[in-house]
């Protein structure tokens, strides 16, 4: 969970909004290509990981503490509530929830400035 100021999809400026991951998935695919001929034996791997997530937010800590229902975070242009990224290696060492929080703060909310 973290707090941030942003503009929601309805155009309201939310100061000190409290964010929590609603759902998140880490999807990993590993592909191995084996190349065998009479002279050489080599292989190559292609690992690809993506994270997709949805976020809840409350207008402030007091709303969360009071047990108020959360809002779903939506993108300003597409109104999508699903966000994703594929540069998972940039978040190595973090838990899935921490990866989601960091991406949401650094990328998703950066596209929703409060100005």
N, C-alpha and C. Protein backbone atom coordinates (compact mmCIF):
# COMPACT_ATOMS: atom_id res chain seq x y z
N UNK A 1 0.85 -1.18 0.00
CA UNK A 1 0.00 0.00 0.00
C UNK A 1 0.89 1.24 0.00
N UNK A 2 0.39 2.26 -0.66
CA UNK A 2 1.12 3.52 -0.71
C UNK A 2 0.12 4.65 -0.94
N UNK A 3 0.56 5.87 -0.74
CA UNK A 3 -0.29 7.04 -0.98
C UNK A 3 0.29 7.86 -2.12
N UNK A 4 -0.59 8.53 -2.85
CA UNK A 4 -0.15 9.38 -3.97
C UNK A 4 -1.26 10.37 -4.31
N UNK A 5 -0.87 11.43 -4.99
CA UNK A 5 -1.80 12.41 -5.52
C UNK A 5 -1.90 12.17 -7.02
N UNK A 6 -3.13 12.19 -7.56
CA UNK A 6 -3.32 11.89 -8.98
C UNK A 6 -4.68 12.44 -9.42
N UNK A 7 -4.90 12.39 -10.75
CA UNK A 7 -6.20 12.75 -11.32
C UNK A 7 -6.90 11.46 -11.74
N UNK A 8 -8.10 11.21 -11.21
CA UNK A 8 -8.81 9.98 -11.57
C UNK A 8 -9.50 10.11 -12.92
N UNK A 9 -10.10 9.03 -13.38
CA UNK A 9 -10.72 9.00 -14.72
C UNK A 9 -11.90 9.96 -14.85
N UNK A 10 -12.46 10.38 -13.73
CA UNK A 10 -13.56 11.36 -13.76
C UNK A 10 -13.05 12.80 -13.75
N UNK A 11 -11.74 12.96 -13.67
CA UNK A 11 -11.14 14.29 -13.69
C UNK A 11 -10.97 14.91 -12.32
N UNK A 12 -11.27 14.17 -11.26
CA UNK A 12 -11.11 14.68 -9.90
C UNK A 12 -9.65 14.55 -9.46
N UNK A 13 -9.15 15.56 -8.79
CA UNK A 13 -7.81 15.49 -8.21
C UNK A 13 -7.95 14.85 -6.83
N UNK A 14 -7.24 13.75 -6.64
CA UNK A 14 -7.25 13.04 -5.36
C UNK A 14 -5.90 13.27 -4.71
N UNK A 15 -5.89 13.92 -3.56
CA UNK A 15 -4.64 14.10 -2.81
C UNK A 15 -4.59 13.05 -1.72
N UNK A 16 -3.46 12.47 -1.53
CA UNK A 16 -3.26 11.44 -0.51
C UNK A 16 -4.16 10.23 -0.70
N UNK A 17 -4.39 9.85 -1.97
CA UNK A 17 -5.13 8.62 -2.24
C UNK A 17 -4.34 7.42 -1.74
N UNK A 18 -5.02 6.44 -1.19
CA UNK A 18 -4.38 5.24 -0.67
C UNK A 18 -4.60 4.10 -1.66
N UNK A 19 -3.52 3.47 -2.11
CA UNK A 19 -3.57 2.45 -3.15
C UNK A 19 -3.21 1.08 -2.60
N UNK A 20 -3.92 0.07 -3.08
CA UNK A 20 -3.63 -1.32 -2.73
C UNK A 20 -3.94 -2.19 -3.94
N UNK A 21 -3.05 -3.14 -4.21
CA UNK A 21 -3.27 -4.05 -5.34
C UNK A 21 -4.55 -4.86 -5.11
N UNK A 22 -5.42 -4.85 -6.11
CA UNK A 22 -6.64 -5.66 -6.07
C UNK A 22 -6.31 -7.07 -6.52
N UNK A 23 -5.52 -7.17 -7.59
CA UNK A 23 -5.17 -8.46 -8.18
C UNK A 23 -3.90 -8.29 -8.98
N UNK A 24 -3.07 -9.31 -9.00
CA UNK A 24 -1.86 -9.27 -9.80
C UNK A 24 -1.44 -10.65 -10.23
N UNK A 25 -0.88 -10.74 -11.43
CA UNK A 25 -0.42 -12.01 -11.97
C UNK A 25 0.96 -11.82 -12.59
N UNK A 26 1.85 -12.75 -12.27
CA UNK A 26 3.16 -12.81 -12.91
C UNK A 26 3.13 -13.99 -13.86
N UNK A 27 3.28 -13.72 -15.14
CA UNK A 27 3.24 -14.76 -16.17
C UNK A 27 4.63 -14.91 -16.77
N UNK A 28 5.15 -16.13 -16.75
CA UNK A 28 6.49 -16.39 -17.27
C UNK A 28 6.44 -17.50 -18.31
N UNK A 29 7.11 -17.26 -19.43
CA UNK A 29 7.25 -18.27 -20.47
C UNK A 29 8.73 -18.45 -20.73
N UNK A 30 9.13 -19.70 -20.91
CA UNK A 30 10.52 -19.99 -21.23
C UNK A 30 10.53 -20.84 -22.50
N UNK A 31 11.25 -20.37 -23.48
CA UNK A 31 11.38 -21.11 -24.73
C UNK A 31 12.82 -21.53 -24.93
N UNK A 32 13.03 -22.74 -25.33
CA UNK A 32 14.38 -23.24 -25.60
C UNK A 32 14.42 -23.75 -27.03
N UNK A 33 15.39 -23.27 -27.78
CA UNK A 33 15.60 -23.73 -29.15
C UNK A 33 16.89 -24.53 -29.19
N UNK A 34 16.79 -25.77 -29.61
CA UNK A 34 17.97 -26.63 -29.73
C UNK A 34 18.39 -26.69 -31.19
N UNK A 35 19.62 -26.37 -31.45
CA UNK A 35 20.18 -26.44 -32.80
C UNK A 35 21.26 -27.50 -32.82
N UNK A 36 21.00 -28.57 -33.49
CA UNK A 36 21.95 -29.69 -33.51
C UNK A 36 22.29 -30.00 -34.98
N UNK A 37 23.57 -29.96 -35.29
CA UNK A 37 24.03 -30.45 -36.59
C UNK A 37 25.32 -31.23 -36.35
N UNK A 38 25.96 -31.64 -37.39
CA UNK A 38 27.14 -32.51 -37.23
C UNK A 38 28.34 -31.78 -36.63
N UNK A 39 28.36 -30.47 -36.75
CA UNK A 39 29.52 -29.72 -36.29
C UNK A 39 29.26 -29.04 -34.95
N UNK A 40 28.12 -28.49 -34.80
CA UNK A 40 27.84 -27.66 -33.63
C UNK A 40 26.62 -28.17 -32.85
N UNK A 41 26.69 -27.93 -31.58
CA UNK A 41 25.52 -28.15 -30.73
C UNK A 41 25.36 -26.87 -29.92
N UNK A 42 24.29 -26.18 -30.11
CA UNK A 42 24.04 -24.99 -29.29
C UNK A 42 22.55 -24.86 -29.04
N UNK A 43 22.25 -24.13 -28.06
CA UNK A 43 20.85 -23.86 -27.79
C UNK A 43 20.71 -22.40 -27.38
N UNK A 44 19.51 -21.92 -27.48
CA UNK A 44 19.24 -20.55 -27.05
C UNK A 44 17.94 -20.57 -26.25
N UNK A 45 17.89 -19.70 -25.30
CA UNK A 45 16.69 -19.60 -24.48
C UNK A 45 16.06 -18.23 -24.68
N UNK A 46 14.77 -18.21 -24.51
CA UNK A 46 14.03 -16.96 -24.62
C UNK A 46 13.05 -16.93 -23.46
N UNK A 47 13.39 -16.21 -22.43
CA UNK A 47 12.52 -16.08 -21.27
C UNK A 47 11.74 -14.78 -21.40
N UNK A 48 10.46 -14.86 -21.16
CA UNK A 48 9.62 -13.66 -21.23
C UNK A 48 8.67 -13.66 -20.05
N UNK A 49 8.67 -12.57 -19.30
CA UNK A 49 7.78 -12.43 -18.15
C UNK A 49 6.99 -11.16 -18.29
N UNK A 50 5.75 -11.21 -17.85
CA UNK A 50 4.89 -10.04 -17.81
C UNK A 50 4.13 -10.03 -16.49
N UNK A 51 3.76 -8.86 -16.07
CA UNK A 51 2.91 -8.69 -14.89
C UNK A 51 1.69 -7.90 -15.33
N UNK A 52 0.52 -8.37 -14.94
CA UNK A 52 -0.68 -7.57 -15.15
C UNK A 52 -1.38 -7.44 -13.80
N UNK A 53 -2.06 -6.29 -13.62
CA UNK A 53 -2.64 -6.02 -12.31
C UNK A 53 -3.81 -5.05 -12.40
N UNK A 54 -4.56 -5.02 -11.31
CA UNK A 54 -5.61 -4.03 -11.09
C UNK A 54 -5.37 -3.43 -9.71
N UNK A 55 -5.74 -2.17 -9.56
CA UNK A 55 -5.52 -1.47 -8.29
C UNK A 55 -6.83 -0.94 -7.73
N UNK A 56 -6.93 -0.99 -6.42
CA UNK A 56 -7.97 -0.28 -5.68
C UNK A 56 -7.37 1.01 -5.16
N UNK A 57 -8.22 2.01 -4.96
CA UNK A 57 -7.77 3.19 -4.22
C UNK A 57 -8.90 3.72 -3.37
N UNK A 58 -8.53 4.33 -2.27
CA UNK A 58 -9.45 5.06 -1.40
C UNK A 58 -9.04 6.52 -1.47
N UNK A 59 -9.96 7.41 -1.23
CA UNK A 59 -9.66 8.84 -1.37
C UNK A 59 -8.67 9.33 -0.32
N UNK A 60 -8.56 8.60 0.79
CA UNK A 60 -7.58 8.93 1.83
C UNK A 60 -7.51 7.80 2.85
N UNK A 61 -6.58 7.90 3.76
CA UNK A 61 -6.40 6.88 4.79
C UNK A 61 -7.64 6.74 5.67
N UNK A 62 -8.29 7.86 5.97
CA UNK A 62 -9.48 7.83 6.83
C UNK A 62 -10.59 7.00 6.19
N UNK A 63 -10.76 7.11 4.88
CA UNK A 63 -11.79 6.32 4.18
C UNK A 63 -11.47 4.83 4.27
N UNK A 64 -10.20 4.50 4.14
CA UNK A 64 -9.78 3.10 4.29
C UNK A 64 -10.05 2.60 5.71
N UNK A 65 -9.62 3.40 6.69
CA UNK A 65 -9.78 3.02 8.10
C UNK A 65 -11.25 2.87 8.49
N UNK A 66 -12.12 3.65 7.85
CA UNK A 66 -13.55 3.59 8.14
C UNK A 66 -14.23 2.41 7.46
N UNK A 67 -13.50 1.68 6.63
CA UNK A 67 -14.08 0.52 5.95
C UNK A 67 -14.89 0.90 4.71
N UNK A 68 -14.66 2.08 4.16
CA UNK A 68 -15.37 2.50 2.95
C UNK A 68 -14.97 1.62 1.77
N UNK A 69 -15.90 1.44 0.84
CA UNK A 69 -15.61 0.66 -0.36
C UNK A 69 -14.57 1.38 -1.20
N UNK A 70 -13.64 0.63 -1.82
CA UNK A 70 -12.62 1.25 -2.65
C UNK A 70 -13.16 1.55 -4.05
N UNK A 71 -12.40 2.37 -4.77
CA UNK A 71 -12.63 2.63 -6.19
C UNK A 71 -11.65 1.79 -6.98
N UNK A 72 -12.00 1.45 -8.21
CA UNK A 72 -11.06 0.80 -9.13
C UNK A 72 -10.30 1.87 -9.89
N UNK A 73 -8.99 1.78 -9.89
CA UNK A 73 -8.17 2.72 -10.66
C UNK A 73 -8.38 2.45 -12.14
N UNK A 74 -8.62 3.52 -12.91
CA UNK A 74 -8.82 3.39 -14.36
C UNK A 74 -7.90 4.37 -15.09
N UNK A 75 -7.40 3.95 -16.23
CA UNK A 75 -6.57 4.81 -17.07
C UNK A 75 -7.38 5.99 -17.57
N UNK A 76 -6.74 7.13 -17.74
CA UNK A 76 -7.44 8.35 -18.15
C UNK A 76 -7.99 8.29 -19.56
N UNK A 77 -7.28 7.70 -20.49
CA UNK A 77 -7.70 7.72 -21.89
C UNK A 77 -8.56 6.51 -22.25
N UNK A 78 -8.12 5.33 -21.85
CA UNK A 78 -8.83 4.11 -22.26
C UNK A 78 -9.88 3.66 -21.26
N UNK A 79 -9.83 4.19 -20.06
CA UNK A 79 -10.71 3.81 -18.95
C UNK A 79 -10.52 2.34 -18.56
N UNK A 80 -9.45 1.73 -19.01
CA UNK A 80 -9.15 0.34 -18.64
C UNK A 80 -8.73 0.30 -17.18
N UNK A 81 -9.13 -0.73 -16.48
CA UNK A 81 -8.70 -0.91 -15.10
C UNK A 81 -7.60 -1.97 -14.99
N UNK A 82 -7.13 -2.46 -16.13
CA UNK A 82 -6.09 -3.49 -16.18
C UNK A 82 -4.80 -2.84 -16.68
N UNK A 83 -3.73 -3.00 -15.94
CA UNK A 83 -2.43 -2.44 -16.29
C UNK A 83 -1.44 -3.59 -16.41
N UNK A 84 -0.38 -3.40 -17.21
CA UNK A 84 0.61 -4.47 -17.36
C UNK A 84 1.97 -3.89 -17.73
N UNK A 85 2.98 -4.71 -17.52
CA UNK A 85 4.34 -4.35 -17.94
C UNK A 85 5.14 -5.62 -18.17
N UNK A 86 6.15 -5.49 -19.05
CA UNK A 86 6.97 -6.66 -19.38
C UNK A 86 8.44 -6.49 -19.02
N UNK A 87 8.82 -5.36 -18.48
CA UNK A 87 10.20 -5.18 -18.05
C UNK A 87 10.36 -5.64 -16.59
N UNK A 88 9.95 -6.87 -16.34
CA UNK A 88 9.92 -7.43 -14.99
C UNK A 88 11.30 -7.45 -14.34
N UNK A 89 12.35 -7.64 -15.14
CA UNK A 89 13.71 -7.70 -14.60
C UNK A 89 14.09 -6.40 -13.88
N UNK A 90 13.49 -5.30 -14.25
CA UNK A 90 13.77 -4.02 -13.59
C UNK A 90 13.31 -4.02 -12.13
N UNK A 91 12.50 -4.99 -11.77
CA UNK A 91 11.95 -5.07 -10.42
C UNK A 91 12.45 -6.30 -9.68
N UNK A 92 13.57 -6.87 -10.13
CA UNK A 92 14.14 -8.06 -9.48
C UNK A 92 14.34 -7.81 -7.99
N UNK A 93 14.09 -8.85 -7.22
CA UNK A 93 14.29 -8.76 -5.78
C UNK A 93 13.07 -8.29 -5.01
N UNK A 94 12.04 -7.84 -5.73
CA UNK A 94 10.82 -7.37 -5.07
C UNK A 94 9.75 -8.45 -5.13
N UNK A 95 8.89 -8.45 -4.13
CA UNK A 95 7.74 -9.35 -4.17
C UNK A 95 6.80 -8.90 -5.29
N UNK A 96 5.86 -9.73 -5.67
CA UNK A 96 4.91 -9.36 -6.72
C UNK A 96 4.15 -8.09 -6.33
N UNK A 97 3.69 -8.02 -5.10
CA UNK A 97 2.95 -6.82 -4.66
C UNK A 97 3.83 -5.58 -4.72
N UNK A 98 5.09 -5.70 -4.32
CA UNK A 98 6.01 -4.56 -4.38
C UNK A 98 6.31 -4.16 -5.82
N UNK A 99 6.42 -5.13 -6.73
CA UNK A 99 6.60 -4.82 -8.16
C UNK A 99 5.41 -4.00 -8.67
N UNK A 100 4.22 -4.45 -8.33
CA UNK A 100 3.00 -3.77 -8.76
C UNK A 100 2.94 -2.36 -8.20
N UNK A 101 3.21 -2.21 -6.90
CA UNK A 101 3.17 -0.89 -6.28
C UNK A 101 4.17 0.06 -6.95
N UNK A 102 5.38 -0.44 -7.18
CA UNK A 102 6.42 0.43 -7.78
C UNK A 102 6.04 0.82 -9.20
N UNK A 103 5.57 -0.14 -10.00
CA UNK A 103 5.16 0.19 -11.37
C UNK A 103 3.99 1.17 -11.37
N UNK A 104 3.04 0.94 -10.49
CA UNK A 104 1.89 1.85 -10.42
C UNK A 104 2.34 3.27 -10.09
N UNK A 105 3.23 3.40 -9.13
CA UNK A 105 3.72 4.73 -8.73
C UNK A 105 4.55 5.38 -9.84
N UNK A 106 5.49 4.61 -10.40
CA UNK A 106 6.46 5.18 -11.34
C UNK A 106 5.93 5.36 -12.75
N UNK A 107 4.97 4.53 -13.17
CA UNK A 107 4.52 4.54 -14.56
C UNK A 107 3.03 4.88 -14.68
N UNK A 108 2.20 4.08 -14.05
CA UNK A 108 0.75 4.25 -14.22
C UNK A 108 0.28 5.61 -13.72
N UNK A 109 0.63 5.95 -12.49
CA UNK A 109 0.18 7.23 -11.93
C UNK A 109 0.90 8.42 -12.56
N UNK A 110 2.10 8.18 -13.09
CA UNK A 110 2.81 9.26 -13.79
C UNK A 110 2.03 9.72 -15.01
N UNK A 111 1.20 8.84 -15.56
CA UNK A 111 0.35 9.19 -16.71
C UNK A 111 -0.96 9.84 -16.27
N UNK A 112 -1.12 10.05 -14.96
CA UNK A 112 -2.34 10.65 -14.41
C UNK A 112 -1.97 11.83 -13.52
N UNK A 113 -1.22 12.79 -14.05
CA UNK A 113 -0.74 13.88 -13.19
C UNK A 113 -1.91 14.72 -12.66
N UNK A 114 -1.69 15.26 -11.48
CA UNK A 114 -2.73 16.06 -10.82
C UNK A 114 -2.70 17.51 -11.27
N UNK A 115 -2.12 17.77 -12.41
CA UNK A 115 -2.05 19.18 -12.87
C UNK A 115 -2.96 19.42 -14.04
